[in-house]
Amino acid sequence: MEFYSARELRTNMKSIWKELSEDNDVVITNNGKPCALMVGIPEGRFEETVRALRQAKAIAAMDRMRRKAEKDGFMSDQEIDEAVKEARKA
C-alpha cells in the first residue's frame, strides 16, 4: 500500500495508476493524515468490488456503534447473550 499526499495526487498520477494496475491500494493523505483510499478494480469485477467495500464499511459502522453503546453503559454482546439464556431458562 502506497501513500501519496493530495498534492502528489495531482502531480504523480502516472505512479498512482501504476500502483492501482498492480492490484495495490493507494492511500491519499491531506496534511499527513489519511483521507481517501483508492482501490484497484480487476477487470470485470466492479460490482463485486463495490459490494465488498460497502459490506466492509457497514461492518465498521456496526463495530463503532457497539463500542459507543458499551461505553455509554448499554449492555455488551456478552451481557445480551447471558440475558437471553436466562430468559430462555425461565
N, C-alpha and C. Protein backbone atom coordinates (compact mmCIF):
# COMPACT_ATOMS: atom_id res chain seq x y z
N MET A 1 0.85 -1.16 0.00
CA MET A 1 0.00 0.00 0.00
C MET A 1 0.90 1.23 0.00
N GLU A 2 0.70 2.07 -0.97
CA GLU A 2 1.49 3.29 -1.08
C GLU A 2 0.70 4.49 -0.57
N PHE A 3 1.40 5.47 -0.03
CA PHE A 3 0.79 6.70 0.46
C PHE A 3 1.23 7.85 -0.43
N TYR A 4 0.27 8.68 -0.81
CA TYR A 4 0.54 9.88 -1.60
C TYR A 4 -0.20 11.05 -0.97
N SER A 5 0.42 12.20 -0.98
CA SER A 5 -0.27 13.40 -0.49
C SER A 5 -1.26 13.88 -1.55
N ALA A 6 -2.16 14.74 -1.14
CA ALA A 6 -3.13 15.30 -2.10
C ALA A 6 -2.39 16.04 -3.21
N ARG A 7 -1.31 16.69 -2.87
CA ARG A 7 -0.51 17.39 -3.88
C ARG A 7 0.11 16.40 -4.87
N GLU A 8 0.64 15.29 -4.35
CA GLU A 8 1.22 14.27 -5.22
C GLU A 8 0.17 13.64 -6.13
N LEU A 9 -1.06 13.59 -5.65
CA LEU A 9 -2.15 13.06 -6.47
C LEU A 9 -2.26 13.83 -7.78
N ARG A 10 -2.07 15.14 -7.70
CA ARG A 10 -2.16 15.98 -8.90
C ARG A 10 -0.93 15.83 -9.79
N THR A 11 0.23 15.63 -9.17
CA THR A 11 1.47 15.66 -9.96
C THR A 11 2.02 14.28 -10.33
N ASN A 12 1.62 13.24 -9.64
CA ASN A 12 2.17 11.90 -9.88
C ASN A 12 1.12 10.88 -10.30
N MET A 13 0.17 11.28 -11.10
CA MET A 13 -0.91 10.35 -11.48
C MET A 13 -0.38 9.09 -12.13
N LYS A 14 0.69 9.19 -12.91
CA LYS A 14 1.23 8.01 -13.60
C LYS A 14 1.66 6.95 -12.57
N SER A 15 2.34 7.37 -11.51
CA SER A 15 2.76 6.43 -10.47
C SER A 15 1.56 5.81 -9.77
N ILE A 16 0.56 6.62 -9.53
CA ILE A 16 -0.63 6.12 -8.83
C ILE A 16 -1.36 5.11 -9.70
N TRP A 17 -1.54 5.39 -10.98
CA TRP A 17 -2.21 4.43 -11.88
C TRP A 17 -1.43 3.13 -11.94
N LYS A 18 -0.10 3.23 -11.91
CA LYS A 18 0.74 2.03 -11.94
C LYS A 18 0.48 1.18 -10.70
N GLU A 19 0.45 1.82 -9.55
CA GLU A 19 0.17 1.09 -8.30
C GLU A 19 -1.19 0.39 -8.37
N LEU A 20 -2.19 1.12 -8.85
CA LEU A 20 -3.54 0.56 -8.92
C LEU A 20 -3.61 -0.59 -9.92
N SER A 21 -2.89 -0.47 -11.03
CA SER A 21 -2.92 -1.53 -12.04
C SER A 21 -2.23 -2.80 -11.56
N GLU A 22 -1.39 -2.68 -10.56
CA GLU A 22 -0.71 -3.84 -9.97
C GLU A 22 -1.49 -4.41 -8.80
N ASP A 23 -2.78 -4.08 -8.72
CA ASP A 23 -3.67 -4.55 -7.65
C ASP A 23 -3.24 -4.09 -6.27
N ASN A 24 -2.58 -2.96 -6.20
CA ASN A 24 -2.24 -2.36 -4.92
C ASN A 24 -3.26 -1.29 -4.57
N ASP A 25 -3.36 -0.99 -3.30
CA ASP A 25 -4.23 0.09 -2.86
C ASP A 25 -3.37 1.32 -2.64
N VAL A 26 -3.97 2.48 -2.79
CA VAL A 26 -3.26 3.74 -2.62
C VAL A 26 -4.02 4.58 -1.60
N VAL A 27 -3.29 5.09 -0.63
CA VAL A 27 -3.87 5.97 0.38
C VAL A 27 -3.49 7.40 0.04
N ILE A 28 -4.48 8.28 0.03
CA ILE A 28 -4.25 9.70 -0.21
C ILE A 28 -4.29 10.39 1.15
N THR A 29 -3.28 11.22 1.41
CA THR A 29 -3.23 11.92 2.68
C THR A 29 -3.43 13.42 2.47
N ASN A 30 -3.95 14.06 3.49
CA ASN A 30 -4.13 15.50 3.50
C ASN A 30 -3.56 15.99 4.83
N ASN A 31 -2.57 16.85 4.76
CA ASN A 31 -1.88 17.31 5.97
C ASN A 31 -1.33 16.14 6.78
N GLY A 32 -0.85 15.11 6.08
CA GLY A 32 -0.24 13.96 6.73
C GLY A 32 -1.19 12.93 7.29
N LYS A 33 -2.49 13.16 7.15
CA LYS A 33 -3.48 12.22 7.67
C LYS A 33 -4.21 11.53 6.52
N PRO A 34 -4.43 10.22 6.60
CA PRO A 34 -5.17 9.52 5.55
C PRO A 34 -6.57 10.11 5.39
N CYS A 35 -6.96 10.37 4.15
CA CYS A 35 -8.30 10.93 3.91
C CYS A 35 -9.05 10.17 2.82
N ALA A 36 -8.36 9.35 2.03
CA ALA A 36 -9.04 8.61 0.97
C ALA A 36 -8.26 7.34 0.66
N LEU A 37 -8.97 6.36 0.17
CA LEU A 37 -8.37 5.10 -0.23
C LEU A 37 -8.77 4.83 -1.67
N MET A 38 -7.78 4.61 -2.51
CA MET A 38 -8.05 4.25 -3.90
C MET A 38 -7.77 2.76 -4.03
N VAL A 39 -8.73 2.04 -4.60
CA VAL A 39 -8.63 0.59 -4.70
C VAL A 39 -8.67 0.22 -6.18
N GLY A 40 -7.70 -0.56 -6.62
CA GLY A 40 -7.72 -1.06 -7.99
C GLY A 40 -8.87 -2.03 -8.18
N ILE A 41 -9.50 -1.99 -9.34
CA ILE A 41 -10.63 -2.87 -9.62
C ILE A 41 -10.24 -3.81 -10.75
N PRO A 42 -10.18 -5.11 -10.46
CA PRO A 42 -9.86 -6.05 -11.52
C PRO A 42 -10.91 -6.01 -12.62
N GLU A 43 -10.49 -6.25 -13.84
CA GLU A 43 -11.40 -6.18 -14.98
C GLU A 43 -12.59 -7.12 -14.77
N GLY A 44 -13.76 -6.59 -15.00
CA GLY A 44 -14.99 -7.37 -14.90
C GLY A 44 -15.47 -7.63 -13.48
N ARG A 45 -14.87 -6.97 -12.48
CA ARG A 45 -15.25 -7.24 -11.09
C ARG A 45 -15.68 -5.98 -10.36
N PHE A 46 -16.22 -5.01 -11.10
CA PHE A 46 -16.62 -3.75 -10.49
C PHE A 46 -17.69 -3.96 -9.42
N GLU A 47 -18.79 -4.62 -9.78
CA GLU A 47 -19.90 -4.80 -8.83
C GLU A 47 -19.44 -5.56 -7.59
N GLU A 48 -18.66 -6.60 -7.79
CA GLU A 48 -18.17 -7.40 -6.67
C GLU A 48 -17.29 -6.55 -5.74
N THR A 49 -16.45 -5.71 -6.32
CA THR A 49 -15.57 -4.85 -5.53
C THR A 49 -16.37 -3.82 -4.75
N VAL A 50 -17.34 -3.20 -5.40
CA VAL A 50 -18.18 -2.20 -4.72
C VAL A 50 -18.96 -2.85 -3.58
N ARG A 51 -19.52 -4.03 -3.84
CA ARG A 51 -20.28 -4.74 -2.81
C ARG A 51 -19.39 -5.06 -1.60
N ALA A 52 -18.16 -5.50 -1.85
CA ALA A 52 -17.24 -5.84 -0.76
C ALA A 52 -16.87 -4.59 0.05
N LEU A 53 -16.64 -3.48 -0.63
CA LEU A 53 -16.32 -2.24 0.09
C LEU A 53 -17.49 -1.76 0.93
N ARG A 54 -18.69 -1.83 0.39
CA ARG A 54 -19.88 -1.42 1.15
C ARG A 54 -20.09 -2.30 2.36
N GLN A 55 -19.85 -3.60 2.19
CA GLN A 55 -20.01 -4.54 3.30
C GLN A 55 -18.98 -4.23 4.39
N ALA A 56 -17.75 -3.95 4.01
CA ALA A 56 -16.72 -3.62 4.98
C ALA A 56 -17.07 -2.34 5.73
N LYS A 57 -17.59 -1.34 5.02
CA LYS A 57 -17.99 -0.09 5.67
C LYS A 57 -19.13 -0.33 6.65
N ALA A 58 -20.07 -1.18 6.30
CA ALA A 58 -21.20 -1.48 7.18
C ALA A 58 -20.72 -2.19 8.45
N ILE A 59 -19.81 -3.13 8.30
CA ILE A 59 -19.27 -3.85 9.46
C ILE A 59 -18.54 -2.88 10.38
N ALA A 60 -17.75 -1.98 9.81
CA ALA A 60 -17.02 -0.99 10.61
C ALA A 60 -18.00 -0.08 11.35
N ALA A 61 -19.08 0.31 10.69
CA ALA A 61 -20.09 1.17 11.34
C ALA A 61 -20.75 0.44 12.52
N MET A 62 -21.06 -0.84 12.33
CA MET A 62 -21.66 -1.62 13.42
C MET A 62 -20.69 -1.74 14.59
N ASP A 63 -19.42 -1.96 14.31
CA ASP A 63 -18.43 -2.04 15.38
C ASP A 63 -18.35 -0.72 16.15
N ARG A 64 -18.37 0.40 15.44
CA ARG A 64 -18.34 1.71 16.11
C ARG A 64 -19.58 1.89 16.99
N MET A 65 -20.74 1.49 16.49
CA MET A 65 -21.98 1.62 17.29
C MET A 65 -21.92 0.75 18.53
N ARG A 66 -21.40 -0.47 18.39
CA ARG A 66 -21.29 -1.37 19.55
C ARG A 66 -20.36 -0.79 20.61
N ARG A 67 -19.20 -0.29 20.17
CA ARG A 67 -18.25 0.30 21.12
C ARG A 67 -18.85 1.51 21.82
N LYS A 68 -19.57 2.34 21.07
CA LYS A 68 -20.20 3.53 21.67
C LYS A 68 -21.27 3.11 22.68
N ALA A 69 -22.08 2.12 22.32
CA ALA A 69 -23.12 1.66 23.22
C ALA A 69 -22.51 1.08 24.50
N GLU A 70 -21.43 0.33 24.35
CA GLU A 70 -20.78 -0.25 25.52
C GLU A 70 -20.19 0.86 26.41
N LYS A 71 -19.59 1.86 25.77
CA LYS A 71 -19.00 2.98 26.52
C LYS A 71 -20.08 3.79 27.23
N ASP A 72 -21.25 3.93 26.61
CA ASP A 72 -22.34 4.73 27.18
C ASP A 72 -23.13 3.97 28.24
N GLY A 73 -22.73 2.71 28.53
CA GLY A 73 -23.39 1.97 29.59
C GLY A 73 -24.48 1.02 29.13
N PHE A 74 -24.61 0.81 27.86
CA PHE A 74 -25.58 -0.16 27.38
C PHE A 74 -24.99 -1.55 27.53
N MET A 75 -25.81 -2.54 27.33
CA MET A 75 -25.36 -3.93 27.50
C MET A 75 -24.38 -4.32 26.39
N SER A 76 -23.36 -5.09 26.79
CA SER A 76 -22.41 -5.61 25.82
C SER A 76 -23.04 -6.84 25.14
N ASP A 77 -22.42 -7.31 24.09
CA ASP A 77 -22.92 -8.51 23.40
C ASP A 77 -22.97 -9.70 24.36
N GLN A 78 -21.96 -9.83 25.21
CA GLN A 78 -21.92 -10.94 26.16
C GLN A 78 -23.07 -10.82 27.16
N GLU A 79 -23.33 -9.61 27.64
CA GLU A 79 -24.43 -9.41 28.59
C GLU A 79 -25.77 -9.72 27.95
N ILE A 80 -25.93 -9.36 26.70
CA ILE A 80 -27.17 -9.66 25.98
C ILE A 80 -27.34 -11.17 25.84
N ASP A 81 -26.26 -11.86 25.45
CA ASP A 81 -26.32 -13.32 25.31
C ASP A 81 -26.71 -13.99 26.63
N GLU A 82 -26.13 -13.51 27.74
CA GLU A 82 -26.44 -14.06 29.05
C GLU A 82 -27.89 -13.80 29.43
N ALA A 83 -28.39 -12.63 29.14
CA ALA A 83 -29.79 -12.29 29.44
C ALA A 83 -30.73 -13.17 28.62
N VAL A 84 -30.39 -13.41 27.36
CA VAL A 84 -31.23 -14.27 26.52
C VAL A 84 -31.24 -15.70 27.06
N LYS A 85 -30.08 -16.20 27.48
CA LYS A 85 -30.02 -17.56 28.05
C LYS A 85 -30.87 -17.67 29.30
N GLU A 86 -30.79 -16.66 30.17
CA GLU A 86 -31.60 -16.66 31.39
C GLU A 86 -33.08 -16.63 31.07
N ALA A 87 -33.47 -15.82 30.11
CA ALA A 87 -34.87 -15.71 29.72
C ALA A 87 -35.38 -17.03 29.14
N ARG A 88 -34.53 -17.72 28.39
CA ARG A 88 -34.94 -19.00 27.79
C ARG A 88 -35.10 -20.07 28.86
N LYS A 89 -34.30 -20.01 29.92
CA LYS A 89 -34.42 -20.97 31.02
C LYS A 89 -35.76 -20.80 31.72
N ALA A 90 -36.17 -19.55 31.86
CA ALA A 90 -37.43 -19.25 32.56
C ALA A 90 -38.56 -19.58 31.66
